Amino acid sequence: MTKTEALSEYERERLENIRQNQEMLRSLNLASGPMMQTAKVVHKGRTKPRTTRRGKENSKRPSDSEDEKPRHSDDDEGGDDDDNDSDYGAMGKTKRRSKTAVATRRSKRLRGENASEEVTEIEKAAVETGDFSDLLQTGEEKFGTTADAIKVTGHYSGWVEPGVMDRLGIRSNAAEAWESEGGGKFSFKDPLGTGKKVSKRMAGGQSVAKYVASKLLRKNPNSYFYRHTEPGVEQWTGDWTDEERQVFLDVARQFGCGDKWGLFSTYIPHRVGYQCSNYYRQYVIPAGWIIDDNYRLDSAGNAVYVGNHRRSAR
């Protein structure tokens, strides 16, 4: 009989919990040092390390200079749940998932100062309980309150960029756009509102979500532009230019941002909604250009969504 087989069910569960929390510590850059000696009986944490899947794009834009800011991939289609967008649009009700905002930790480690080797009570509690939420900071705690930072509530209040709207004949608001293109009752089985269930066979080899979006240019432009550029406009991939970054910030300053990324992206030619969403999480929030209380920053400076996962229109 091996040592593992000789352990009781409780002991095996205890060891598995310790292993899971050690992985959590590594994802928060806290896996080294004295904290690892404090682990006792722990429970599964709530935060999972992010994984990404390289999305397929139809083209690449010309490369930029090598001295550009640190690179972050914004080309993964779909992104995480924290983009606040549904797969298809605003015409149907969707399930809501709420998450209570938590208190934040103000340690030297997260302020970029030299942390002492002494393990804090908060760190001990995180290891013992598996709840690492107190190890996160708000944007204002990390960067301070600056005049240059744009403060948003996590919502976009605009519509399609006026030039795009005129060129494509898109109506002036979501309700008119939906009804003018046939209306119908939205559901996830029938996102086009045609009364017919959408199947993989209808998608013809592409993802069902991308197929559905391609049919909603004028009926639900938020859904269309989340995965597609304006017809005839090349989609770029890779690093964003300084000009694109400035347009992103100007639009956020005027209309806010954090959801409805398809509509938001109409102001940035060559980019689609999911690219804007990923750029926001991977680059804009960690850089402190925009302060959004729906996000916290971990010790590595990565954005972690802590807001209400309420879905809104794509």
Protein backbone atom coordinates (compact mmCIF):
# COMPACT_ATOMS: atom_id res chain seq x y z
CA MET A 1 0.00 0.00 0.00
CA THR A 2 1.43 3.43 -0.99
CA LYS A 3 1.52 6.41 1.33
CA THR A 4 -1.21 8.12 -0.71
CA GLU A 5 -3.49 5.09 -0.44
CA ALA A 6 -2.87 4.92 3.29
CA LEU A 7 -4.13 8.48 3.79
CA SER A 8 -7.67 9.07 4.88
CA GLU A 9 -10.12 10.78 2.55
CA TYR A 10 -9.82 13.93 4.69
CA GLU A 11 -6.02 13.97 4.34
CA ARG A 12 -6.20 13.48 0.59
CA GLU A 13 -8.66 16.36 0.29
CA ARG A 14 -6.42 18.50 2.51
CA LEU A 15 -3.38 17.88 0.28
CA GLU A 16 -5.36 18.65 -2.85
CA ASN A 17 -6.58 21.93 -1.36
CA ILE A 18 -3.02 22.90 -0.45
CA ARG A 19 -1.90 22.19 -4.01
CA GLN A 20 -4.68 24.32 -5.49
CA ASN A 21 -3.91 27.27 -3.23
CA GLN A 22 -0.21 27.04 -4.02
CA GLU A 23 -1.15 27.40 -7.69
CA MET A 24 -3.24 30.42 -6.73
CA LEU A 25 -0.28 31.98 -4.93
CA ARG A 26 1.90 31.46 -7.96
CA SER A 27 -0.68 33.23 -10.15
CA LEU A 28 -0.54 36.21 -7.76
CA ASN A 29 3.27 36.24 -7.70
CA LEU A 30 3.26 35.21 -4.03
CA ALA A 31 4.48 31.65 -4.44
CA SER A 32 7.98 32.33 -3.08
CA GLY A 33 8.99 33.45 0.37
CA PRO A 34 7.62 32.76 3.82
CA MET A 35 3.97 32.62 2.81
CA MET A 36 4.43 29.14 1.45
CA GLN A 37 5.36 27.86 4.89
CA THR A 38 2.08 29.13 6.38
CA ALA A 39 -0.24 26.81 4.48
CA LYS A 40 -2.38 24.65 6.76
CA VAL A 41 -5.82 23.32 5.97
CA VAL A 42 -7.01 25.40 3.02
CA HIS A 43 -9.96 25.46 0.70
CA LYS A 44 -10.32 26.02 -2.99
CA GLY A 45 -9.84 29.68 -3.99
CA ARG A 46 -12.31 31.71 -6.02
CA THR A 47 -9.97 33.24 -8.54
CA LYS A 48 -8.59 31.14 -11.40
CA PRO A 49 -5.54 32.02 -13.47
CA ARG A 50 -6.58 33.28 -16.84
CA THR A 51 -5.96 31.17 -19.92
CA THR A 52 -6.12 32.48 -23.45
CA ARG A 53 -6.77 30.94 -26.83
CA ARG A 54 -5.26 32.43 -29.92
CA GLY A 55 -8.07 33.59 -32.18
CA LYS A 56 -8.01 33.49 -35.97
CA GLU A 57 -7.76 36.78 -37.84
CA ASN A 58 -8.09 37.53 -41.53
CA SER A 59 -5.09 39.83 -41.91
CA LYS A 60 -2.26 41.62 -40.17
CA ARG A 61 -1.53 45.31 -40.22
CA PRO A 62 1.95 46.67 -40.93
CA SER A 63 4.29 46.21 -37.97
CA ASP A 64 5.05 49.16 -35.72
CA SER A 65 8.38 50.28 -34.32
CA GLU A 66 10.14 47.95 -31.89
CA ASP A 67 10.33 50.58 -29.16
CA GLU A 68 6.58 50.55 -28.63
CA LYS A 69 5.07 49.98 -25.19
CA PRO A 70 5.06 46.41 -23.77
CA ARG A 71 2.99 44.15 -25.93
CA HIS A 72 -0.31 42.62 -24.93
CA SER A 73 -2.32 40.31 -27.15
CA ASP A 74 -5.72 41.79 -27.94
CA ASP A 75 -6.62 39.38 -30.70
CA ASP A 76 -8.28 36.53 -28.76
CA GLU A 77 -11.86 36.34 -29.96
CA GLY A 78 -14.58 36.29 -27.37
CA GLY A 79 -12.52 37.21 -24.30
CA ASP A 80 -13.76 36.61 -20.76
CA ASP A 81 -17.13 37.03 -19.16
CA ASP A 82 -16.08 40.36 -17.73
CA ASP A 83 -16.57 42.17 -21.04
CA ASN A 84 -20.23 42.52 -19.97
CA ASP A 85 -21.44 41.52 -23.44
CA SER A 86 -23.81 38.75 -24.44
CA ASP A 87 -23.14 36.66 -27.52
CA TYR A 88 -25.98 38.12 -29.51
CA GLY A 89 -27.61 41.29 -28.23
CA ALA A 90 -29.98 43.27 -26.08
CA MET A 91 -33.25 41.90 -27.32
CA GLY A 92 -33.49 39.14 -24.73
CA LYS A 93 -33.07 38.82 -21.02
CA THR A 94 -30.06 36.94 -19.82
CA LYS A 95 -28.98 35.40 -16.58
CA ARG A 96 -27.21 37.60 -14.09
CA ARG A 97 -24.27 36.70 -11.93
CA SER A 98 -23.39 39.03 -9.10
CA LYS A 99 -20.16 39.36 -7.21
CA THR A 100 -19.84 41.49 -4.13
CA ALA A 101 -17.03 44.06 -4.19
CA VAL A 102 -14.47 43.29 -1.52
CA ALA A 103 -12.18 45.27 0.71
CA THR A 104 -8.75 46.00 -0.73
CA ARG A 105 -5.33 45.42 0.68
CA ARG A 106 -2.80 48.25 1.09
CA SER A 107 0.49 46.44 1.42
CA LYS A 108 3.97 47.61 0.52
CA ARG A 109 4.21 44.70 -1.89
CA LEU A 110 1.36 46.05 -4.02
CA ARG A 111 2.55 49.67 -3.82
CA GLY A 112 5.82 48.64 -5.42
CA GLU A 113 7.84 49.18 -2.26
CA ASN A 114 10.12 46.64 -0.68
CA ALA A 115 7.97 44.22 1.26
CA SER A 116 9.21 42.87 4.53
CA GLU A 117 9.79 39.14 4.91
CA GLU A 118 7.19 39.02 7.66
CA VAL A 119 3.94 37.43 6.55
CA THR A 120 0.97 39.70 7.22
CA GLU A 121 -2.20 38.54 8.89
CA ILE A 122 -4.09 39.19 5.64
CA GLU A 123 -1.69 36.92 3.74
CA LYS A 124 -2.02 34.20 6.36
CA ALA A 125 -5.79 34.44 6.21
CA ALA A 126 -5.75 34.22 2.41
CA VAL A 127 -3.74 31.00 2.49
CA GLU A 128 -5.86 29.42 5.22
CA THR A 129 -9.23 30.33 3.69
CA GLY A 130 -8.43 30.25 -0.01
CA ASP A 131 -9.94 33.75 -0.45
CA PHE A 132 -7.36 35.97 -2.17
CA SER A 133 -9.65 38.92 -2.90
CA ASP A 134 -8.04 41.10 -0.22
CA LEU A 135 -4.74 40.95 -2.10
CA LEU A 136 -6.10 43.16 -4.91
CA GLN A 137 -5.96 46.95 -5.35
CA THR A 138 -8.20 49.48 -7.05
CA GLY A 139 -6.73 51.59 -9.83
CA GLU A 140 -6.75 54.68 -7.61
CA GLU A 141 -4.92 52.82 -4.85
CA LYS A 142 -2.22 51.70 -7.25
CA PHE A 143 -1.80 54.85 -9.34
CA GLY A 144 -3.28 57.54 -7.10
CA THR A 145 -5.81 60.14 -8.23
CA THR A 146 -4.44 61.90 -11.30
CA ALA A 147 -5.98 64.52 -13.54
CA ASP A 148 -5.03 62.57 -16.66
CA ALA A 149 -6.79 59.33 -15.72
CA ILE A 150 -10.28 58.83 -17.15
CA LYS A 151 -12.87 57.63 -14.63
CA VAL A 152 -15.63 55.40 -16.03
CA THR A 153 -18.51 53.41 -14.57
CA GLY A 154 -18.02 50.42 -16.86
CA HIS A 155 -20.73 51.39 -19.35
CA TYR A 156 -20.69 52.82 -22.88
CA SER A 157 -23.46 55.37 -23.53
CA GLY A 158 -22.92 56.04 -27.23
CA TRP A 159 -24.14 54.47 -30.44
CA VAL A 160 -22.53 53.65 -33.81
CA GLU A 161 -19.99 56.22 -35.05
CA PRO A 162 -22.01 58.74 -37.14
CA GLY A 163 -19.97 58.29 -40.34
CA VAL A 164 -20.33 54.50 -40.18
CA MET A 165 -24.04 54.86 -39.41
CA ASP A 166 -24.62 57.05 -42.47
CA ARG A 167 -22.56 54.90 -44.83
CA LEU A 168 -24.32 51.67 -43.86
CA GLY A 169 -27.85 53.02 -43.34
CA ILE A 170 -28.03 52.04 -39.66
CA ARG A 171 -30.92 53.51 -37.67
CA SER A 172 -30.30 55.99 -34.85
CA ASN A 173 -30.93 53.69 -31.88
CA ALA A 174 -31.09 50.01 -30.96
CA ALA A 175 -34.89 49.70 -30.83
CA GLU A 176 -35.41 51.27 -34.27
CA ALA A 177 -32.58 49.21 -35.77
CA TRP A 178 -34.06 45.95 -34.51
CA GLU A 179 -37.63 46.67 -35.59
CA SER A 180 -36.69 48.14 -38.99
CA GLU A 181 -34.93 44.89 -39.90
CA GLY A 182 -37.83 42.61 -39.14
CA GLY A 183 -37.96 42.67 -35.35
CA GLY A 184 -38.96 39.39 -33.77
CA LYS A 185 -38.42 37.88 -30.35
CA PHE A 186 -34.82 37.37 -29.33
CA SER A 187 -33.63 34.16 -27.70
CA PHE A 188 -30.29 32.37 -27.60
CA LYS A 189 -31.76 29.61 -29.79
CA ASP A 190 -33.07 32.25 -32.18
CA PRO A 191 -30.68 35.24 -31.90
CA LEU A 192 -31.71 36.55 -35.33
CA GLY A 193 -35.35 36.85 -34.28
CA THR A 194 -36.51 34.93 -37.36
CA GLY A 195 -38.33 32.16 -35.54
CA LYS A 196 -35.75 29.60 -36.66
CA LYS A 197 -33.14 27.96 -34.48
CA VAL A 198 -29.56 28.64 -35.58
CA SER A 199 -27.51 25.48 -36.08
CA LYS A 200 -23.85 24.72 -36.69
CA ARG A 201 -24.78 23.49 -40.15
CA MET A 202 -26.09 26.95 -41.03
CA ALA A 203 -22.79 28.50 -39.93
CA GLY A 204 -20.94 26.67 -42.69
CA GLY A 205 -17.76 25.92 -40.78
CA GLN A 206 -17.34 29.20 -38.90
CA SER A 207 -18.42 29.65 -35.31
CA VAL A 208 -22.16 30.04 -34.77
CA ALA A 209 -21.57 33.32 -32.89
CA LYS A 210 -19.59 34.80 -35.78
CA TYR A 211 -22.17 33.62 -38.30
CA VAL A 212 -25.01 35.16 -36.30
CA ALA A 213 -23.11 38.43 -35.91
CA SER A 214 -22.53 38.63 -39.67
CA LYS A 215 -26.32 38.68 -40.21
CA LEU A 216 -26.96 41.55 -37.78
CA LEU A 217 -25.15 44.51 -39.36
CA ARG A 218 -28.21 46.79 -39.38
CA LYS A 219 -30.46 44.90 -36.99
CA ASN A 220 -28.06 44.65 -34.04
CA PRO A 221 -24.86 46.55 -34.92
CA ASN A 222 -23.36 45.95 -31.49
CA SER A 223 -23.40 42.21 -32.16
CA TYR A 224 -22.07 42.63 -35.71
CA PHE A 225 -19.14 44.91 -34.87
CA TYR A 226 -18.10 42.81 -31.90
CA ARG A 227 -16.71 40.26 -34.40
CA HIS A 228 -16.58 42.10 -37.73
CA THR A 229 -15.17 45.33 -39.14
CA GLU A 230 -17.12 47.59 -41.43
CA PRO A 231 -17.63 45.77 -44.76
CA GLY A 232 -14.62 46.32 -46.99
CA VAL A 233 -12.36 47.47 -44.13
CA GLU A 234 -9.35 45.31 -43.29
CA GLN A 235 -9.07 44.02 -39.74
CA TRP A 236 -5.69 44.64 -38.13
CA THR A 237 -4.04 42.41 -35.54
CA GLY A 238 -1.13 42.86 -33.18
CA ASP A 239 0.06 45.94 -31.30
CA TRP A 240 -2.03 49.08 -31.30
CA THR A 241 -0.62 52.34 -32.69
CA ASP A 242 -0.38 55.51 -30.63
CA GLU A 243 -3.12 57.00 -32.79
CA GLU A 244 -5.46 54.09 -32.04
CA ARG A 245 -4.71 54.35 -28.34
CA GLN A 246 -5.55 58.06 -28.37
CA VAL A 247 -8.83 57.46 -30.21
CA PHE A 248 -9.71 54.76 -27.67
CA LEU A 249 -9.14 57.16 -24.77
CA ASP A 250 -11.01 60.01 -26.49
CA VAL A 251 -14.07 57.82 -27.06
CA ALA A 252 -13.93 56.53 -23.47
CA ARG A 253 -13.73 60.09 -22.17
CA GLN A 254 -16.78 61.13 -24.19
CA PHE A 255 -19.03 58.07 -23.89
CA GLY A 256 -17.51 55.85 -21.19
CA CYS A 257 -16.56 52.22 -21.81
CA GLY A 258 -16.71 48.75 -20.31
CA ASP A 259 -19.55 47.17 -22.29
CA LYS A 260 -21.12 47.32 -25.78
CA TRP A 261 -17.67 46.92 -27.27
CA GLY A 262 -19.08 46.36 -30.75
CA LEU A 263 -20.53 49.88 -30.82
CA PHE A 264 -17.39 51.28 -29.20
CA SER A 265 -15.18 49.74 -31.89
CA THR A 266 -16.95 51.59 -34.71
CA TYR A 267 -14.88 54.64 -33.74
CA ILE A 268 -11.64 52.68 -34.30
CA PRO A 269 -11.30 51.49 -37.92
CA HIS A 270 -9.57 48.13 -38.43
CA ARG A 271 -10.47 46.92 -34.91
CA VAL A 272 -13.48 44.90 -33.75
CA GLY A 273 -15.26 44.79 -30.41
CA TYR A 274 -13.49 41.84 -28.83
CA GLN A 275 -10.12 43.44 -29.65
CA CYS A 276 -11.17 46.62 -27.84
CA SER A 277 -12.38 44.58 -24.87
CA ASN A 278 -9.12 42.64 -24.61
CA TYR A 279 -6.99 45.77 -25.11
CA TYR A 280 -8.92 47.41 -22.28
CA ARG A 281 -8.27 44.58 -19.81
CA GLN A 282 -4.74 43.72 -20.86
CA TYR A 283 -3.29 47.16 -21.45
CA VAL A 284 -5.46 50.21 -20.67
CA ILE A 285 -6.51 49.25 -17.12
CA PRO A 286 -3.04 47.97 -16.07
CA ALA A 287 -1.46 51.19 -17.42
CA GLY A 288 -3.74 53.37 -15.28
CA TRP A 289 -5.07 55.39 -18.24
CA ILE A 290 -8.65 54.58 -17.26
CA ILE A 291 -9.95 53.97 -13.74
CA ASP A 292 -12.82 51.48 -13.64
CA ASP A 293 -13.99 50.28 -10.23
CA ASN A 294 -15.23 47.05 -11.80
CA TYR A 295 -11.57 46.00 -11.95
CA ARG A 296 -8.84 45.39 -9.39
CA LEU A 297 -5.13 44.93 -9.98
CA ASP A 298 -3.14 42.02 -8.59
CA SER A 299 0.47 42.15 -7.42
CA ALA A 300 1.70 41.58 -10.98
CA GLY A 301 -0.36 44.50 -12.27
CA ASN A 302 -2.93 42.34 -14.09
CA ALA A 303 -6.56 43.47 -14.27
CA VAL A 304 -9.02 41.24 -12.41
CA TYR A 305 -12.75 41.75 -12.96
CA VAL A 306 -14.72 42.05 -9.71
CA GLY A 307 -17.85 43.83 -10.92
CA ASN A 308 -21.36 42.62 -11.60
CA HIS A 309 -21.38 40.19 -14.53
CA ARG A 310 -24.63 41.67 -15.79
CA ARG A 311 -24.84 41.09 -19.51
CA SER A 312 -25.73 43.88 -21.91
CA ALA A 313 -26.20 44.17 -25.66
CA ARG A 314 -23.47 43.33 -28.15
